[in-house]
Amino acid sequence: PDFVERTTFERPTLILPLPEVERVLLYEP
């Protein structure tokens, strides 16, 4: 066989409930 690269795109949605945010932390990297 010939090996061919196939590229697809997905578009999921992140829903972040702002009243439930407890902490915002920073990490490396």
PDB file of all heavy atoms in Angstrom:
ATOM      1  N   PRO A   1       0.821  -1.211   0.000  1.00  0.00           N
ATOM      2  CA  PRO A   1       0.000   0.000   0.000  1.00  0.00           C
ATOM      3  C   PRO A   1       0.853   1.258   0.000  1.00  0.00           C
ATOM      4  O   PRO A   1       2.036   1.244   0.359  1.00  0.00           O
ATOM      5  CB  PRO A   1      -0.786  -0.126   1.302  1.00  0.00           C
ATOM      6  CG  PRO A   1       0.164  -0.852   2.206  1.00  0.00           C
ATOM      7  CD  PRO A   1       0.918  -1.809   1.326  1.00  0.00           C
ATOM      8  N   ASP A   2       0.214   2.335  -0.413  1.00  0.00           N
ATOM      9  CA  ASP A   2       0.782   3.664  -0.223  1.00  0.00           C
ATOM     10  C   ASP A   2       0.207   4.250   1.061  1.00  0.00           C
ATOM     11  O   ASP A   2      -0.995   4.129   1.323  1.00  0.00           O
ATOM     12  CB  ASP A   2       0.437   4.575  -1.407  1.00  0.00           C
ATOM     13  CG  ASP A   2       1.223   4.210  -2.654  1.00  0.00           C
ATOM     14  OD1 ASP A   2       2.335   3.671  -2.495  1.00  0.00           O
ATOM     15  OD2 ASP A   2       0.724   4.455  -3.767  1.00  0.00           O
ATOM     16  N   PHE A   3       1.041   4.884   1.857  1.00  0.00           N
ATOM     17  CA  PHE A   3       0.594   5.489   3.109  1.00  0.00           C
ATOM     18  C   PHE A   3       0.371   6.982   2.875  1.00  0.00           C
ATOM     19  O   PHE A   3       1.290   7.714   2.495  1.00  0.00           O
ATOM     20  CB  PHE A   3       1.625   5.258   4.216  1.00  0.00           C
ATOM     21  CG  PHE A   3       1.730   3.807   4.607  1.00  0.00           C
ATOM     22  CD1 PHE A   3       2.703   2.986   4.033  1.00  0.00           C
ATOM     23  CD2 PHE A   3       0.852   3.263   5.525  1.00  0.00           C
ATOM     24  CE1 PHE A   3       2.803   1.651   4.401  1.00  0.00           C
ATOM     25  CE2 PHE A   3       0.955   1.930   5.888  1.00  0.00           C
ATOM     26  CZ  PHE A   3       1.915   1.121   5.332  1.00  0.00           C
ATOM     27  N   VAL A   4      -0.854   7.413   3.096  1.00  0.00           N
ATOM     28  CA  VAL A   4      -1.266   8.783   2.821  1.00  0.00           C
ATOM     29  C   VAL A   4      -1.749   9.425   4.117  1.00  0.00           C
ATOM     30  O   VAL A   4      -2.459   8.790   4.910  1.00  0.00           O
ATOM     31  CB  VAL A   4      -2.396   8.817   1.767  1.00  0.00           C
ATOM     32  CG1 VAL A   4      -2.815  10.255   1.478  1.00  0.00           C
ATOM     33  CG2 VAL A   4      -1.954   8.119   0.498  1.00  0.00           C
ATOM     34  N   GLU A   5      -1.345  10.678   4.338  1.00  0.00           N
ATOM     35  CA  GLU A   5      -1.787  11.419   5.517  1.00  0.00           C
ATOM     36  C   GLU A   5      -3.109  12.119   5.232  1.00  0.00           C
ATOM     37  O   GLU A   5      -3.233  12.846   4.240  1.00  0.00           O
ATOM     38  CB  GLU A   5      -0.731  12.438   5.952  1.00  0.00           C
ATOM     39  CG  GLU A   5       0.502  11.817   6.585  1.00  0.00           C
ATOM     40  CD  GLU A   5       1.413  12.859   7.202  1.00  0.00           C
ATOM     41  OE1 GLU A   5       1.153  14.064   6.961  1.00  0.00           O
ATOM     42  OE2 GLU A   5       2.359  12.489   7.904  1.00  0.00           O
ATOM     43  N   ARG A   6      -4.073  11.888   6.115  1.00  0.00           N
ATOM     44  CA  ARG A   6      -5.375  12.516   6.000  1.00  0.00           C
ATOM     45  C   ARG A   6      -5.528  13.537   7.128  1.00  0.00           C
ATOM     46  O   ARG A   6      -5.270  13.237   8.293  1.00  0.00           O
ATOM     47  CB  ARG A   6      -6.492  11.483   6.097  1.00  0.00           C
ATOM     48  CG  ARG A   6      -6.381  10.342   5.080  1.00  0.00           C
ATOM     49  CD  ARG A   6      -6.701  10.793   3.679  1.00  0.00           C
ATOM     50  NE  ARG A   6      -6.784   9.646   2.769  1.00  0.00           N
ATOM     51  CZ  ARG A   6      -6.941   9.758   1.464  1.00  0.00           C
ATOM     52  NH1 ARG A   6      -7.033  10.962   0.908  1.00  0.00           N
ATOM     53  NH2 ARG A   6      -7.002   8.673   0.696  1.00  0.00           N
ATOM     54  N   THR A   7      -5.960  14.740   6.796  1.00  0.00           N
ATOM     55  CA  THR A   7      -6.143  15.807   7.778  1.00  0.00           C
ATOM     56  C   THR A   7      -7.618  16.138   7.896  1.00  0.00           C
ATOM     57  O   THR A   7      -8.287  16.383   6.888  1.00  0.00           O
ATOM     58  CB  THR A   7      -5.357  17.065   7.387  1.00  0.00           C
ATOM     59  OG1 THR A   7      -3.961  16.736   7.278  1.00  0.00           O
ATOM     60  CG2 THR A   7      -5.526  18.153   8.429  1.00  0.00           C
ATOM     61  N   THR A   8      -8.116  16.134   9.119  1.00  0.00           N
ATOM     62  CA  THR A   8      -9.499  16.508   9.387  1.00  0.00           C
ATOM     63  C   THR A   8      -9.533  17.594  10.455  1.00  0.00           C
ATOM     64  O   THR A   8      -8.574  17.761  11.224  1.00  0.00           O
ATOM     65  CB  THR A   8     -10.308  15.293   9.870  1.00  0.00           C
ATOM     66  OG1 THR A   8      -9.696  14.767  11.065  1.00  0.00           O
ATOM     67  CG2 THR A   8     -10.359  14.208   8.808  1.00  0.00           C
ATOM     68  N   PHE A   9     -10.624  18.319  10.505  1.00  0.00           N
ATOM     69  CA  PHE A   9     -10.791  19.407  11.465  1.00  0.00           C
ATOM     70  C   PHE A   9     -12.075  19.192  12.262  1.00  0.00           C
ATOM     71  O   PHE A   9     -13.116  18.856  11.697  1.00  0.00           O
ATOM     72  CB  PHE A   9     -10.837  20.766  10.758  1.00  0.00           C
ATOM     73  CG  PHE A   9      -9.543  21.158  10.105  1.00  0.00           C
ATOM     74  CD1 PHE A   9      -9.295  20.835   8.776  1.00  0.00           C
ATOM     75  CD2 PHE A   9      -8.568  21.825  10.810  1.00  0.00           C
ATOM     76  CE1 PHE A   9      -8.105  21.195   8.165  1.00  0.00           C
ATOM     77  CE2 PHE A   9      -7.368  22.177  10.210  1.00  0.00           C
ATOM     78  CZ  PHE A   9      -7.135  21.870   8.887  1.00  0.00           C
ATOM     79  N   GLU A  10     -11.953  19.366  13.574  1.00  0.00           N
ATOM     80  CA  GLU A  10     -13.106  19.307  14.459  1.00  0.00           C
ATOM     81  C   GLU A  10     -13.235  20.634  15.193  1.00  0.00           C
ATOM     82  O   GLU A  10     -12.239  21.324  15.422  1.00  0.00           O
ATOM     83  CB  GLU A  10     -12.961  18.157  15.462  1.00  0.00           C
ATOM     84  CG  GLU A  10     -12.896  16.784  14.821  1.00  0.00           C
ATOM     85  CD  GLU A  10     -12.713  15.682  15.856  1.00  0.00           C
ATOM     86  OE1 GLU A  10     -12.630  16.024  17.064  1.00  0.00           O
ATOM     87  OE2 GLU A  10     -12.668  14.506  15.474  1.00  0.00           O
ATOM     88  N   ARG A  11     -14.469  20.984  15.583  1.00  0.00           N
ATOM     89  CA  ARG A  11     -14.720  22.264  16.241  1.00  0.00           C
ATOM     90  C   ARG A  11     -15.544  22.050  17.524  1.00  0.00           C
ATOM     91  O   ARG A  11     -16.733  22.338  17.559  1.00  0.00           O
ATOM     92  CB  ARG A  11     -15.433  23.236  15.301  1.00  0.00           C
ATOM     93  CG  ARG A  11     -14.532  23.763  14.190  1.00  0.00           C
ATOM     94  CD  ARG A  11     -15.084  25.030  13.587  1.00  0.00           C
ATOM     95  NE  ARG A  11     -14.139  25.673  12.690  1.00  0.00           N
ATOM     96  CZ  ARG A  11     -14.310  26.883  12.158  1.00  0.00           C
ATOM     97  NH1 ARG A  11     -15.412  27.566  12.425  1.00  0.00           N
ATOM     98  NH2 ARG A  11     -13.392  27.404  11.362  1.00  0.00           N
ATOM     99  N   PRO A  12     -14.899  21.538  18.578  1.00  0.00           N
ATOM    100  CA  PRO A  12     -15.615  21.427  19.863  1.00  0.00           C
ATOM    101  C   PRO A  12     -15.744  22.791  20.538  1.00  0.00           C
ATOM    102  O   PRO A  12     -15.028  23.746  20.195  1.00  0.00           O
ATOM    103  CB  PRO A  12     -14.732  20.485  20.672  1.00  0.00           C
ATOM    104  CG  PRO A  12     -13.355  20.717  20.118  1.00  0.00           C
ATOM    105  CD  PRO A  12     -13.537  21.001  18.652  1.00  0.00           C
ATOM    106  N   THR A  13     -16.646  22.891  21.496  1.00  0.00           N
ATOM    107  CA  THR A  13     -16.901  24.138  22.206  1.00  0.00           C
ATOM    108  C   THR A  13     -16.661  23.943  23.698  1.00  0.00           C
ATOM    109  O   THR A  13     -17.203  23.008  24.300  1.00  0.00           O
ATOM    110  CB  THR A  13     -18.329  24.637  21.968  1.00  0.00           C
ATOM    111  OG1 THR A  13     -18.532  24.854  20.571  1.00  0.00           O
ATOM    112  CG2 THR A  13     -18.576  25.947  22.706  1.00  0.00           C
ATOM    113  N   LEU A  14     -15.848  24.822  24.266  1.00  0.00           N
ATOM    114  CA  LEU A  14     -15.621  24.837  25.712  1.00  0.00           C
ATOM    115  C   LEU A  14     -16.624  25.793  26.342  1.00  0.00           C
ATOM    116  O   LEU A  14     -16.737  26.948  25.927  1.00  0.00           O
ATOM    117  CB  LEU A  14     -14.194  25.289  26.030  1.00  0.00           C
ATOM    118  CG  LEU A  14     -13.916  25.650  27.494  1.00  0.00           C
ATOM    119  CD1 LEU A  14     -13.945  24.400  28.370  1.00  0.00           C
ATOM    120  CD2 LEU A  14     -12.583  26.372  27.636  1.00  0.00           C
ATOM    121  N   ILE A  15     -17.342  25.318  27.354  1.00  0.00           N
ATOM    122  CA  ILE A  15     -18.266  26.161  28.108  1.00  0.00           C
ATOM    123  C   ILE A  15     -17.750  26.243  29.542  1.00  0.00           C
ATOM    124  O   ILE A  15     -17.713  25.234  30.260  1.00  0.00           O
ATOM    125  CB  ILE A  15     -19.702  25.597  28.072  1.00  0.00           C
ATOM    126  CG1 ILE A  15     -20.204  25.536  26.628  1.00  0.00           C
ATOM    127  CG2 ILE A  15     -20.626  26.455  28.924  1.00  0.00           C
ATOM    128  CD1 ILE A  15     -21.593  24.965  26.494  1.00  0.00           C
ATOM    129  N   LEU A  16     -17.336  27.429  29.947  1.00  0.00           N
ATOM    130  CA  LEU A  16     -16.761  27.648  31.270  1.00  0.00           C
ATOM    131  C   LEU A  16     -17.751  28.444  32.120  1.00  0.00           C
ATOM    132  O   LEU A  16     -17.959  29.637  31.883  1.00  0.00           O
ATOM    133  CB  LEU A  16     -15.434  28.400  31.151  1.00  0.00           C
ATOM    134  CG  LEU A  16     -14.683  28.709  32.446  1.00  0.00           C
ATOM    135  CD1 LEU A  16     -14.279  27.419  33.141  1.00  0.00           C
ATOM    136  CD2 LEU A  16     -13.455  29.566  32.174  1.00  0.00           C
ATOM    137  N   PRO A  17     -18.390  27.818  33.124  1.00  0.00           N
ATOM    138  CA  PRO A  17     -19.326  28.547  33.994  1.00  0.00           C
ATOM    139  C   PRO A  17     -18.559  29.504  34.914  1.00  0.00           C
ATOM    140  O   PRO A  17     -17.866  29.074  35.834  1.00  0.00           O
ATOM    141  CB  PRO A  17     -20.032  27.445  34.785  1.00  0.00           C
ATOM    142  CG  PRO A  17     -19.641  26.155  34.117  1.00  0.00           C
ATOM    143  CD  PRO A  17     -18.329  26.399  33.462  1.00  0.00           C
ATOM    144  N   LEU A  18     -18.678  30.788  34.688  1.00  0.00           N
ATOM    145  CA  LEU A  18     -17.911  31.768  35.448  1.00  0.00           C
ATOM    146  C   LEU A  18     -18.284  31.815  36.929  1.00  0.00           C
ATOM    147  O   LEU A  18     -17.401  32.024  37.771  1.00  0.00           O
ATOM    148  CB  LEU A  18     -18.076  33.147  34.806  1.00  0.00           C
ATOM    149  CG  LEU A  18     -17.528  33.257  33.371  1.00  0.00           C
ATOM    150  CD1 LEU A  18     -17.853  34.608  32.772  1.00  0.00           C
ATOM    151  CD2 LEU A  18     -16.027  33.004  33.346  1.00  0.00           C
ATOM    152  N   PRO A  19     -19.560  31.613  37.324  1.00  0.00           N
ATOM    153  CA  PRO A  19     -19.858  31.620  38.771  1.00  0.00           C
ATOM    154  C   PRO A  19     -19.224  30.465  39.535  1.00  0.00           C
ATOM    155  O   PRO A  19     -19.135  30.514  40.760  1.00  0.00           O
ATOM    156  CB  PRO A  19     -21.389  31.520  38.809  1.00  0.00           C
ATOM    157  CG  PRO A  19     -21.843  32.026  37.491  1.00  0.00           C
ATOM    158  CD  PRO A  19     -20.785  31.593  36.529  1.00  0.00           C
ATOM    159  N   GLU A  20     -18.778  29.418  38.839  1.00  0.00           N
ATOM    160  CA  GLU A  20     -18.192  28.258  39.510  1.00  0.00           C
ATOM    161  C   GLU A  20     -16.670  28.324  39.608  1.00  0.00           C
ATOM    162  O   GLU A  20     -16.049  27.407  40.149  1.00  0.00           O
ATOM    163  CB  GLU A  20     -18.591  26.981  38.766  1.00  0.00           C
ATOM    164  CG  GLU A  20     -20.089  26.703  38.767  1.00  0.00           C
ATOM    165  CD  GLU A  20     -20.431  25.409  38.072  1.00  0.00           C
ATOM    166  OE1 GLU A  20     -19.493  24.698  37.659  1.00  0.00           O
ATOM    167  OE2 GLU A  20     -21.629  25.103  37.923  1.00  0.00           O
ATOM    168  N   VAL A  21     -16.065  29.386  39.082  1.00  0.00           N
ATOM    169  CA  VAL A  21     -14.606  29.498  39.129  1.00  0.00           C
ATOM    170  C   VAL A  21     -14.167  29.736  40.569  1.00  0.00           C
ATOM    171  O   VAL A  21     -14.619  30.674  41.226  1.00  0.00           O
ATOM    172  CB  VAL A  21     -14.118  30.633  38.213  1.00  0.00           C
ATOM    173  CG1 VAL A  21     -12.617  30.846  38.384  1.00  0.00           C
ATOM    174  CG2 VAL A  21     -14.438  30.315  36.761  1.00  0.00           C
ATOM    175  N   GLU A  22     -13.300  28.888  41.059  1.00  0.00           N
ATOM    176  CA  GLU A  22     -12.801  28.994  42.426  1.00  0.00           C
ATOM    177  C   GLU A  22     -11.381  29.531  42.483  1.00  0.00           C
ATOM    178  O   GLU A  22     -11.057  30.338  43.353  1.00  0.00           O
ATOM    179  CB  GLU A  22     -12.855  27.632  43.122  1.00  0.00           C
ATOM    180  CG  GLU A  22     -14.267  27.117  43.358  1.00  0.00           C
ATOM    181  CD  GLU A  22     -14.281  25.802  44.102  1.00  0.00           C
ATOM    182  OE1 GLU A  22     -13.199  25.174  44.211  1.00  0.00           O
ATOM    183  OE2 GLU A  22     -15.355  25.394  44.577  1.00  0.00           O
ATOM    184  N   ARG A  23     -10.525  29.077  41.551  1.00  0.00           N
ATOM    185  CA  ARG A  23      -9.125  29.497  41.585  1.00  0.00           C
ATOM    186  C   ARG A  23      -8.595  29.603  40.160  1.00  0.00           C
ATOM    187  O   ARG A  23      -9.014  28.852  39.274  1.00  0.00           O
ATOM    188  CB  ARG A  23      -8.270  28.490  42.379  1.00  0.00           C
ATOM    189  CG  ARG A  23      -8.770  28.223  43.767  1.00  0.00           C
ATOM    190  CD  ARG A  23      -8.076  27.034  44.397  1.00  0.00           C
ATOM    191  NE  ARG A  23      -6.717  27.345  44.823  1.00  0.00           N
ATOM    192  CZ  ARG A  23      -5.853  26.440  45.258  1.00  0.00           C
ATOM    193  NH1 ARG A  23      -6.202  25.168  45.288  1.00  0.00           N
ATOM    194  NH2 ARG A  23      -4.643  26.796  45.635  1.00  0.00           N
ATOM    195  N   VAL A  24      -7.653  30.522  39.972  1.00  0.00           N
ATOM    196  CA  VAL A  24      -6.914  30.653  38.721  1.00  0.00           C
ATOM    197  C   VAL A  24      -5.436  30.503  39.081  1.00  0.00           C
ATOM    198  O   VAL A  24      -4.882  31.325  39.818  1.00  0.00           O
ATOM    199  CB  VAL A  24      -7.178  31.999  38.028  1.00  0.00           C
ATOM    200  CG1 VAL A  24      -6.341  32.124  36.763  1.00  0.00           C
ATOM    201  CG2 VAL A  24      -8.669  32.141  37.687  1.00  0.00           C
ATOM    202  N   LEU A  25      -4.805  29.446  38.562  1.00  0.00           N
ATOM    203  CA  LEU A  25      -3.434  29.107  38.925  1.00  0.00           C
ATOM    204  C   LEU A  25      -2.540  29.135  37.699  1.00  0.00           C
ATOM    205  O   LEU A  25      -2.991  28.920  36.573  1.00  0.00           O
ATOM    206  CB  LEU A  25      -3.387  27.714  39.565  1.00  0.00           C
ATOM    207  CG  LEU A  25      -4.391  27.435  40.693  1.00  0.00           C
ATOM    208  CD1 LEU A  25      -4.291  25.990  41.142  1.00  0.00           C
ATOM    209  CD2 LEU A  25      -4.172  28.377  41.856  1.00  0.00           C
ATOM    210  N   LEU A  26      -1.261  29.390  37.934  1.00  0.00           N
ATOM    211  CA  LEU A  26      -0.260  29.402  36.868  1.00  0.00           C
ATOM    212  C   LEU A  26       0.731  28.276  37.107  1.00  0.00           C
ATOM    213  O   LEU A  26       1.167  28.050  38.249  1.00  0.00           O
ATOM    214  CB  LEU A  26       0.477  30.737  36.822  1.00  0.00           C
ATOM    215  CG  LEU A  26      -0.099  31.830  35.916  1.00  0.00           C
ATOM    216  CD1 LEU A  26      -1.526  32.155  36.311  1.00  0.00           C
ATOM    217  CD2 LEU A  26       0.764  33.083  35.960  1.00  0.00           C
ATOM    218  N   TYR A  27       1.099  27.590  36.012  1.00  0.00           N
ATOM    219  CA  TYR A  27       2.050  26.489  36.082  1.00  0.00           C
ATOM    220  C   TYR A  27       3.043  26.601  34.934  1.00  0.00           C
ATOM    221  O   TYR A  27       2.761  27.220  33.895  1.00  0.00           O
ATOM    222  CB  TYR A  27       1.336  25.129  35.993  1.00  0.00           C
ATOM    223  CG  TYR A  27       0.605  24.725  37.246  1.00  0.00           C
ATOM    224  CD1 TYR A  27      -0.698  25.136  37.467  1.00  0.00           C
ATOM    225  CD2 TYR A  27       1.216  23.932  38.213  1.00  0.00           C
ATOM    226  CE1 TYR A  27      -1.376  24.772  38.620  1.00  0.00           C
ATOM    227  CE2 TYR A  27       0.546  23.562  39.368  1.00  0.00           C
ATOM    228  CZ  TYR A  27      -0.748  23.992  39.565  1.00  0.00           C
ATOM    229  OH  TYR A  27      -1.417  23.634  40.704  1.00  0.00           O
ATOM    230  N   GLU A  28       4.187  26.007  35.142  1.00  0.00           N
ATOM    231  CA  GLU A  28       5.160  25.855  34.075  1.00  0.00           C
ATOM    232  C   GLU A  28       4.814  24.626  33.262  1.00  0.00           C
ATOM    233  O   GLU A  28       4.360  23.622  33.827  1.00  0.00           O
ATOM    234  CB  GLU A  28       6.584  25.708  34.654  1.00  0.00           C
ATOM    235  CG  GLU A  28       7.091  26.936  35.365  1.00  0.00           C
ATOM    236  CD  GLU A  28       7.501  28.055  34.417  1.00  0.00           C
ATOM    237  OE1 GLU A  28       7.301  27.892  33.189  1.00  0.00           O
ATOM    238  OE2 GLU A  28       8.008  29.076  34.896  1.00  0.00           O
ATOM    239  N   PRO A  29       5.005  24.601  31.946  1.00  0.00           N
ATOM    240  CA  PRO A  29       5.479  25.725  31.137  1.00  0.00           C
ATOM    241  C   PRO A  29       4.300  26.479  30.522  1.00  0.00           C
ATOM    242  O   PRO A  29       3.634  25.969  29.627  1.00  0.00           O
ATOM    243  CB  PRO A  29       6.326  25.044  30.053  1.00  0.00           C
ATOM    244  CG  PRO A  29       5.660  23.712  29.868  1.00  0.00           C
ATOM    245  CD  PRO A  29       4.998  23.348  31.172  1.00  0.00           C
TER     246      PRO A  29
END
